[in-house]
PDB file of N, CA and C in Angstrom:
ATOM      1  N   MET A   1       0.851  -1.168   0.006  1.00  0.00           N
ATOM      2  CA  MET A   1       0.014  -0.001  -0.007  1.00  0.00           C
ATOM      3  C   MET A   1       0.893   1.224   0.001  1.00  0.00           C
ATOM      4  N   THR A   2       0.539   2.214  -0.784  1.00  0.00           N
ATOM      5  CA  THR A   2       1.331   3.437  -0.893  1.00  0.00           C
ATOM      6  C   THR A   2       0.708   4.545  -0.018  1.00  0.00           C
ATOM      7  N   LEU A   3       1.501   5.597   0.208  1.00  0.00           N
ATOM      8  CA  LEU A   3       1.020   6.752   0.982  1.00  0.00           C
ATOM      9  C   LEU A   3      -0.190   7.382   0.272  1.00  0.00           C
ATOM     10  N   SER A   4      -0.121   7.473  -1.033  1.00  0.00           N
ATOM     11  CA  SER A   4      -1.240   8.078  -1.751  1.00  0.00           C
ATOM     12  C   SER A   4      -2.527   7.258  -1.605  1.00  0.00           C
ATOM     13  N   GLU A   5      -2.414   5.936  -1.491  1.00  0.00           N
ATOM     14  CA  GLU A   5      -3.597   5.101  -1.231  1.00  0.00           C
ATOM     15  C   GLU A   5      -4.085   5.309   0.197  1.00  0.00           C
ATOM     16  N   LEU A   6      -3.174   5.433   1.165  1.00  0.00           N
ATOM     17  CA  LEU A   6      -3.560   5.704   2.560  1.00  0.00           C
ATOM     18  C   LEU A   6      -4.263   7.040   2.678  1.00  0.00           C
ATOM     19  N   ARG A   7      -3.780   8.055   1.938  1.00  0.00           N
ATOM     20  CA  ARG A   7      -4.339   9.414   2.065  1.00  0.00           C
ATOM     21  C   ARG A   7      -5.779   9.482   1.566  1.00  0.00           C
ATOM     22  N   GLN A   8      -6.227   8.516   0.813  1.00  0.00           N
ATOM     23  CA  GLN A   8      -7.611   8.505   0.323  1.00  0.00           C
ATOM     24  C   GLN A   8      -8.564   7.905   1.334  1.00  0.00           C
ATOM     25  N   LYS A   9      -8.039   7.303   2.377  1.00  0.00           N
ATOM     26  CA  LYS A   9      -8.887   6.603   3.335  1.00  0.00           C
ATOM     27  C   LYS A   9      -9.283   7.508   4.526  1.00  0.00           C
ATOM     28  N   GLU A  10     -10.525   7.418   4.903  1.00  0.00           N
ATOM     29  CA  GLU A  10     -11.031   8.176   6.032  1.00  0.00           C
ATOM     30  C   GLU A  10     -10.768   7.357   7.303  1.00  0.00           C
ATOM     31  N   VAL A  11     -10.377   8.017   8.395  1.00  0.00           N
ATOM     32  CA  VAL A  11     -10.095   7.340   9.660  1.00  0.00           C
ATOM     33  C   VAL A  11     -11.315   7.535  10.573  1.00  0.00           C
ATOM     34  N   ILE A  12     -11.824   6.435  11.125  1.00  0.00           N
ATOM     35  CA  ILE A  12     -12.994   6.451  11.995  1.00  0.00           C
ATOM     36  C   ILE A  12     -12.588   5.913  13.370  1.00  0.00           C
ATOM     37  N   ASN A  13     -12.986   6.636  14.429  1.00  0.00           N
ATOM     38  CA  ASN A  13     -12.741   6.166  15.791  1.00  0.00           C
ATOM     39  C   ASN A  13     -13.843   5.187  16.142  1.00  0.00           C
ATOM     40  N   THR A  14     -13.489   3.954  16.472  1.00  0.00           N
ATOM     41  CA  THR A  14     -14.493   2.924  16.778  1.00  0.00           C
ATOM     42  C   THR A  14     -15.186   3.176  18.114  1.00  0.00           C
ATOM     43  N   ARG A  15     -14.591   3.965  18.988  1.00  0.00           N
ATOM     44  CA  ARG A  15     -15.200   4.226  20.302  1.00  0.00           C
ATOM     45  C   ARG A  15     -16.461   5.064  20.218  1.00  0.00           C
ATOM     46  N   ASP A  16     -16.472   6.031  19.298  1.00  0.00           N
ATOM     47  CA  ASP A  16     -17.625   6.912  19.207  1.00  0.00           C
ATOM     48  C   ASP A  16     -18.172   7.058  17.782  1.00  0.00           C
ATOM     49  N   GLY A  17     -17.558   6.389  16.819  1.00  0.00           N
ATOM     50  CA  GLY A  17     -18.021   6.444  15.452  1.00  0.00           C
ATOM     51  C   GLY A  17     -17.697   7.759  14.729  1.00  0.00           C
ATOM     52  N   ARG A  18     -16.897   8.592  15.364  1.00  0.00           N
ATOM     53  CA  ARG A  18     -16.578   9.902  14.799  1.00  0.00           C
ATOM     54  C   ARG A  18     -15.499   9.803  13.740  1.00  0.00           C
ATOM     55  N   SER A  19     -15.672  10.573  12.666  1.00  0.00           N
ATOM     56  CA  SER A  19     -14.681  10.658  11.624  1.00  0.00           C
ATOM     57  C   SER A  19     -13.565  11.581  12.086  1.00  0.00           C
ATOM     58  N   LEU A  20     -12.315  11.115  11.941  1.00  0.00           N
ATOM     59  CA  LEU A  20     -11.160  11.928  12.327  1.00  0.00           C
ATOM     60  C   LEU A  20     -10.522  12.589  11.127  1.00  0.00           C
ATOM     61  N   GLY A  21     -11.044  12.344   9.954  1.00  0.00           N
ATOM     62  CA  GLY A  21     -10.490  12.936   8.723  1.00  0.00           C
ATOM     63  C   GLY A  21      -9.694  11.880   7.941  1.00  0.00           C
ATOM     64  N   ARG A  22      -9.037  12.366   6.920  1.00  0.00           N
ATOM     65  CA  ARG A  22      -8.237  11.476   6.081  1.00  0.00           C
ATOM     66  C   ARG A  22      -6.783  11.542   6.486  1.00  0.00           C
ATOM     67  N   VAL A  23      -6.040  10.491   6.221  1.00  0.00           N
ATOM     68  CA  VAL A  23      -4.626  10.430   6.562  1.00  0.00           C
ATOM     69  C   VAL A  23      -3.892  11.552   5.813  1.00  0.00           C
ATOM     70  N   CYS A  24      -3.131  12.347   6.563  1.00  0.00           N
ATOM     71  CA  CYS A  24      -2.354  13.426   5.908  1.00  0.00           C
ATOM     72  C   CYS A  24      -0.865  13.168   5.950  1.00  0.00           C
ATOM     73  N   ASP A  25      -0.409  12.254   6.784  1.00  0.00           N
ATOM     74  CA  ASP A  25       1.013  11.951   6.877  1.00  0.00           C
ATOM     75  C   ASP A  25       1.207  10.612   7.562  1.00  0.00           C
ATOM     76  N   ILE A  26       2.420  10.106   7.513  1.00  0.00           N
ATOM     77  CA  ILE A  26       2.770   8.889   8.246  1.00  0.00           C
ATOM     78  C   ILE A  26       4.043   9.137   9.031  1.00  0.00           C
ATOM     79  N   VAL A  27       4.261   8.321  10.079  1.00  0.00           N
ATOM     80  CA  VAL A  27       5.502   8.351  10.832  1.00  0.00           C
ATOM     81  C   VAL A  27       6.204   7.025  10.534  1.00  0.00           C
ATOM     82  N   PHE A  28       7.432   7.123  10.053  1.00  0.00           N
ATOM     83  CA  PHE A  28       8.184   5.969   9.606  1.00  0.00           C
ATOM     84  C   PHE A  28       9.440   5.823  10.451  1.00  0.00           C
ATOM     85  N   CYS A  29       9.732   4.623  10.915  1.00  0.00           N
ATOM     86  CA  CYS A  29      10.960   4.336  11.660  1.00  0.00           C
ATOM     87  C   CYS A  29      11.965   3.690  10.712  1.00  0.00           C
ATOM     88  N   PRO A  30      12.993   4.426  10.322  1.00  0.00           N
ATOM     89  CA  PRO A  30      13.954   3.844   9.371  1.00  0.00           C
ATOM     90  C   PRO A  30      14.787   2.691   9.985  1.00  0.00           C
ATOM     91  N   CYS A  31      14.970   2.694  11.286  1.00  0.00           N
ATOM     92  CA  CYS A  31      15.735   1.602  11.922  1.00  0.00           C
ATOM     93  C   CYS A  31      14.992   0.287  11.828  1.00  0.00           C
ATOM     94  N   GLU A  32      13.656   0.344  12.067  1.00  0.00           N
ATOM     95  CA  GLU A  32      12.844  -0.875  12.006  1.00  0.00           C
ATOM     96  C   GLU A  32      12.295  -1.127  10.612  1.00  0.00           C
ATOM     97  N   GLY A  33      12.314  -0.081   9.757  1.00  0.00           N
ATOM     98  CA  GLY A  33      11.805  -0.225   8.392  1.00  0.00           C
ATOM     99  C   GLY A  33      10.309  -0.417   8.327  1.00  0.00           C
ATOM    100  N   ARG A  34       9.575   0.300   9.205  1.00  0.00           N
ATOM    101  CA  ARG A  34       8.114   0.156   9.203  1.00  0.00           C
ATOM    102  C   ARG A  34       7.436   1.467   9.588  1.00  0.00           C
ATOM    103  N   VAL A  35       6.155   1.538   9.254  1.00  0.00           N
ATOM    104  CA  VAL A  35       5.337   2.672   9.633  1.00  0.00           C
ATOM    105  C   VAL A  35       4.955   2.490  11.094  1.00  0.00           C
ATOM    106  N   THR A  36       5.160   3.516  11.930  1.00  0.00           N
ATOM    107  CA  THR A  36       4.851   3.408  13.333  1.00  0.00           C
ATOM    108  C   THR A  36       3.581   4.159  13.718  1.00  0.00           C
ATOM    109  N   ALA A  37       3.134   5.100  12.836  1.00  0.00           N
ATOM    110  CA  ALA A  37       1.927   5.851  13.150  1.00  0.00           C
ATOM    111  C   ALA A  37       1.399   6.536  11.891  1.00  0.00           C
ATOM    112  N   ILE A  38       0.116   6.901  11.932  1.00  0.00           N
ATOM    113  CA  ILE A  38      -0.449   7.742  10.893  1.00  0.00           C
ATOM    114  C   ILE A  38      -0.837   9.072  11.541  1.00  0.00           C
ATOM    115  N   VAL A  39      -0.974  10.090  10.734  1.00  0.00           N
ATOM    116  CA  VAL A  39      -1.351  11.411  11.225  1.00  0.00           C
ATOM    117  C   VAL A  39      -2.591  11.876  10.473  1.00  0.00           C
ATOM    118  N   VAL A  40      -3.586  12.352  11.244  1.00  0.00           N
ATOM    119  CA  VAL A  40      -4.798  12.948  10.673  1.00  0.00           C
ATOM    120  C   VAL A  40      -4.825  14.402  11.079  1.00  0.00           C
ATOM    121  N   PRO A  41      -5.504  15.254  10.346  1.00  0.00           N
ATOM    122  CA  PRO A  41      -5.558  16.658  10.715  1.00  0.00           C
ATOM    123  C   PRO A  41      -6.141  16.871  12.103  1.00  0.00           C
ATOM    124  N   GLY A  42      -5.568  17.777  12.862  1.00  0.00           N
ATOM    125  CA  GLY A  42      -6.100  18.122  14.176  1.00  0.00           C
ATOM    126  C   GLY A  42      -7.076  19.282  14.049  1.00  0.00           C
ATOM    127  N   GLU A  43      -7.518  19.754  15.193  1.00  0.00           N
ATOM    128  CA  GLU A  43      -8.413  20.933  15.190  1.00  0.00           C
ATOM    129  C   GLU A  43      -7.644  22.158  14.715  1.00  0.00           C
ATOM    130  N   PHE A  44      -8.296  23.014  13.971  1.00  0.00           N
ATOM    131  CA  PHE A  44      -7.650  24.203  13.442  1.00  0.00           C
ATOM    132  C   PHE A  44      -7.361  25.176  14.572  1.00  0.00           C
ATOM    133  N   CYS A  45      -6.145  25.693  14.607  1.00  0.00           N
ATOM    134  CA  CYS A  45      -5.767  26.674  15.615  1.00  0.00           C
ATOM    135  C   CYS A  45      -4.955  27.765  14.886  1.00  0.00           C
ATOM    136  N   LEU A  46      -5.522  28.936  14.764  1.00  0.00           N
ATOM    137  CA  LEU A  46      -4.884  30.029  14.032  1.00  0.00           C
ATOM    138  C   LEU A  46      -3.559  30.421  14.663  1.00  0.00           C
ATOM    139  N   SER A  47      -3.496  30.466  15.993  1.00  0.00           N
ATOM    140  CA  SER A  47      -2.248  30.881  16.624  1.00  0.00           C
ATOM    141  C   SER A  47      -1.105  29.881  16.367  1.00  0.00           C
ATOM    142  N   ALA A  48      -1.410  28.583  16.349  1.00  0.00           N
ATOM    143  CA  ALA A  48      -0.410  27.582  16.032  1.00  0.00           C
ATOM    144  C   ALA A  48       0.041  27.706  14.569  1.00  0.00           C
ATOM    145  N   LEU A  49      -0.903  28.003  13.668  1.00  0.00           N
ATOM    146  CA  LEU A  49      -0.589  28.186  12.279  1.00  0.00           C
ATOM    147  C   LEU A  49       0.357  29.360  12.082  1.00  0.00           C
ATOM    148  N   LEU A  50       0.082  30.448  12.773  1.00  0.00           N
ATOM    149  CA  LEU A  50       0.915  31.656  12.683  1.00  0.00           C
ATOM    150  C   LEU A  50       2.303  31.416  13.247  1.00  0.00           C
ATOM    151  N   ARG A  51       2.440  30.515  14.239  1.00  0.00           N
ATOM    152  CA  ARG A  51       3.735  30.190  14.805  1.00  0.00           C
ATOM    153  C   ARG A  51       4.476  29.166  13.943  1.00  0.00           C
ATOM    154  N   GLY A  52       3.827  28.654  12.902  1.00  0.00           N
ATOM    155  CA  GLY A  52       4.457  27.663  12.015  1.00  0.00           C
ATOM    156  C   GLY A  52       4.401  26.260  12.528  1.00  0.00           C
ATOM    157  N   GLU A  53       3.581  25.990  13.531  1.00  0.00           N
ATOM    158  CA  GLU A  53       3.452  24.647  14.072  1.00  0.00           C
ATOM    159  C   GLU A  53       2.498  23.826  13.226  1.00  0.00           C
ATOM    160  N   LYS A  54       2.814  22.584  13.071  1.00  0.00           N
ATOM    161  CA  LYS A  54       1.925  21.675  12.369  1.00  0.00           C
ATOM    162  C   LYS A  54       0.940  21.083  13.339  1.00  0.00           C
ATOM    163  N   ALA A  55      -0.326  21.050  12.964  1.00  0.00           N
ATOM    164  CA  ALA A  55      -1.354  20.468  13.830  1.00  0.00           C
ATOM    165  C   ALA A  55      -1.786  19.121  13.253  1.00  0.00           C
ATOM    166  N   GLY A  56      -1.903  18.152  14.117  1.00  0.00           N
ATOM    167  CA  GLY A  56      -2.354  16.849  13.676  1.00  0.00           C
ATOM    168  C   GLY A  56      -2.463  15.908  14.842  1.00  0.00           C
ATOM    169  N   VAL A  57      -3.252  14.874  14.666  1.00  0.00           N
ATOM    170  CA  VAL A  57      -3.393  13.849  15.674  1.00  0.00           C
ATOM    171  C   VAL A  57      -2.600  12.648  15.217  1.00  0.00           C
ATOM    172  N   VAL A  58      -1.605  12.264  16.031  1.00  0.00           N
ATOM    173  CA  VAL A  58      -0.767  11.097  15.707  1.00  0.00           C
ATOM    174  C   VAL A  58      -1.430   9.853  16.302  1.00  0.00           C
ATOM    175  N   ILE A  59      -1.694   8.892  15.427  1.00  0.00           N
ATOM    176  CA  ILE A  59      -2.349   7.637  15.834  1.00  0.00           C
ATOM    177  C   ILE A  59      -1.341   6.509  15.692  1.00  0.00           C
ATOM    178  N   PRO A  60      -0.885   5.930  16.812  1.00  0.00           N
ATOM    179  CA  PRO A  60       0.069   4.808  16.732  1.00  0.00           C
ATOM    180  C   PRO A  60      -0.506   3.643  15.923  1.00  0.00           C
ATOM    181  N   TRP A  61       0.335   3.004  15.166  1.00  0.00           N
ATOM    182  CA  TRP A  61      -0.092   1.900  14.307  1.00  0.00           C
ATOM    183  C   TRP A  61      -0.779   0.810  15.114  1.00  0.00           C
ATOM    184  N   GLU A  62      -0.362   0.615  16.354  1.00  0.00           N
ATOM    185  CA  GLU A  62      -0.949  -0.432  17.203  1.00  0.00           C
ATOM    186  C   GLU A  62      -2.406  -0.116  17.537  1.00  0.00           C
ATOM    187  N   ARG A  63      -2.852   1.141  17.440  1.00  0.00           N
ATOM    188  CA  ARG A  63      -4.228   1.517  17.731  1.00  0.00           C
ATOM    189  C   ARG A  63      -5.159   1.319  16.546  1.00  0.00           C
ATOM    190  N   LEU A  64      -4.608   0.949  15.383  1.00  0.00           N
ATOM    191  CA  LEU A  64      -5.460   0.717  14.202  1.00  0.00           C
ATOM    192  C   LEU A  64      -6.041  -0.674  14.282  1.00  0.00           C
ATOM    193  N   CYS A  65      -7.336  -0.747  14.138  1.00  0.00           N
ATOM    194  CA  CYS A  65      -8.024  -2.055  14.194  1.00  0.00           C
ATOM    195  C   CYS A  65      -8.076  -2.739  12.847  1.00  0.00           C
ATOM    196  N   LYS A  66      -8.332  -1.931  11.813  1.00  0.00           N
ATOM    197  CA  LYS A  66      -8.536  -2.495  10.483  1.00  0.00           C
ATOM    198  C   LYS A  66      -8.239  -1.431   9.426  1.00  0.00           C
ATOM    199  N   VAL A  67      -7.512  -1.820   8.411  1.00  0.00           N
ATOM    200  CA  VAL A  67      -7.295  -0.974   7.255  1.00  0.00           C
ATOM    201  C   VAL A  67      -8.095  -1.581   6.122  1.00  0.00           C
ATOM    202  N   GLY A  68      -9.215  -0.976   5.813  1.00  0.00           N
ATOM    203  CA  GLY A  68     -10.098  -1.508   4.787  1.00  0.00           C
ATOM    204  C   GLY A  68      -9.889  -0.847   3.438  1.00  0.00           C
ATOM    205  N   ASP A  69     -10.792  -1.166   2.507  1.00  0.00           N
ATOM    206  CA  ASP A  69     -10.702  -0.609   1.163  1.00  0.00           C
ATOM    207  C   ASP A  69     -10.988   0.888   1.166  1.00  0.00           C
ATOM    208  N   ASP A  70     -11.927   1.342   2.024  1.00  0.00           N
ATOM    209  CA  ASP A  70     -12.333   2.729   2.012  1.00  0.00           C
ATOM    210  C   ASP A  70     -12.013   3.492   3.303  1.00  0.00           C
ATOM    211  N   VAL A  71     -11.977   2.765   4.410  1.00  0.00           N
ATOM    212  CA  VAL A  71     -11.778   3.430   5.705  1.00  0.00           C
ATOM    213  C   VAL A  71     -10.704   2.699   6.540  1.00  0.00           C
ATOM    214  N   ILE A  72     -10.199   3.429   7.526  1.00  0.00           N
ATOM    215  CA  ILE A  72      -9.312   2.864   8.532  1.00  0.00           C
ATOM    216  C   ILE A  72     -10.025   2.998   9.874  1.00  0.00           C
ATOM    217  N   LEU A  73     -10.158   1.879  10.599  1.00  0.00           N
ATOM    218  CA  LEU A  73     -10.797   1.906  11.916  1.00  0.00           C
ATOM    219  C   LEU A  73      -9.716   1.975  12.985  1.00  0.00           C
ATOM    220  N   ALA A  74      -9.843   2.943  13.899  1.00  0.00           N
ATOM    221  CA  ALA A  74      -8.871   3.122  14.975  1.00  0.00           C
ATOM    222  C   ALA A  74      -9.606   3.116  16.322  1.00  0.00           C
ATOM    223  N   ASP A  75      -8.954   2.521  17.318  1.00  0.00           N
ATOM    224  CA  ASP A  75      -9.532   2.480  18.661  1.00  0.00           C
ATOM    225  C   ASP A  75      -8.786   3.502  19.507  1.00  0.00           C
ATOM    226  N   LEU A  76      -9.437   4.666  19.705  1.00  0.00           N
ATOM    227  CA  LEU A  76      -8.810   5.790  20.411  1.00  0.00           C
ATOM    228  C   LEU A  76      -9.675   6.254  21.588  1.00  0.00           C
ATOM    229  N   PRO A  77      -9.545   5.607  22.733  1.00  0.00           N
ATOM    230  CA  PRO A  77     -10.392   5.973  23.869  1.00  0.00           C
ATOM    231  C   PRO A  77     -10.101   7.359  24.402  1.00  0.00           C
ATOM    232  N   ASP A  78      -8.862   7.872  24.271  1.00  0.00           N
ATOM    233  CA  ASP A  78      -8.510   9.154  24.822  1.00  0.00           C
ATOM    234  C   ASP A  78      -9.092  10.325  24.028  1.00  0.00           C
ATOM    235  N   LEU A  79      -9.650  10.086  22.870  1.00  0.00           N
ATOM    236  CA  LEU A  79     -10.257  11.179  22.096  1.00  0.00           C
ATOM    237  C   LEU A  79     -11.752  11.314  22.398  1.00  0.00           C
ATOM    238  N   CYS A  80     -12.342  10.341  23.076  1.00  0.00           N
ATOM    239  CA  CYS A  80     -13.756  10.422  23.427  1.00  0.00           C
ATOM    240  C   CYS A  80     -13.965  11.439  24.534  1.00  0.00           C
ATOM    241  N   GLU A  81     -15.064  12.142  24.451  1.00  0.00           N
ATOM    242  CA  GLU A  81     -15.383  13.146  25.472  1.00  0.00           C
ATOM    243  C   GLU A  81     -16.498  12.679  26.356  1.00  0.00           C
TER     244      GLU A  81
END
């Protein structure tokens, strides 16, 4: 699977059914030669944008339940309110 294929998939939190957005980046460990996390867009924050900070929610690969044809299911209890 390529990054461009991952970027087309919507990420859904299985705890509350909420859409977290589409994959915007990945975290790769060159020592292990594997993807360790995916990144989805975080909440928009104008002050962070002006400071040049990147906003995003990093989801560890271990928290992904299923990578399907159209969606990625993630189990993220800490994002539930």
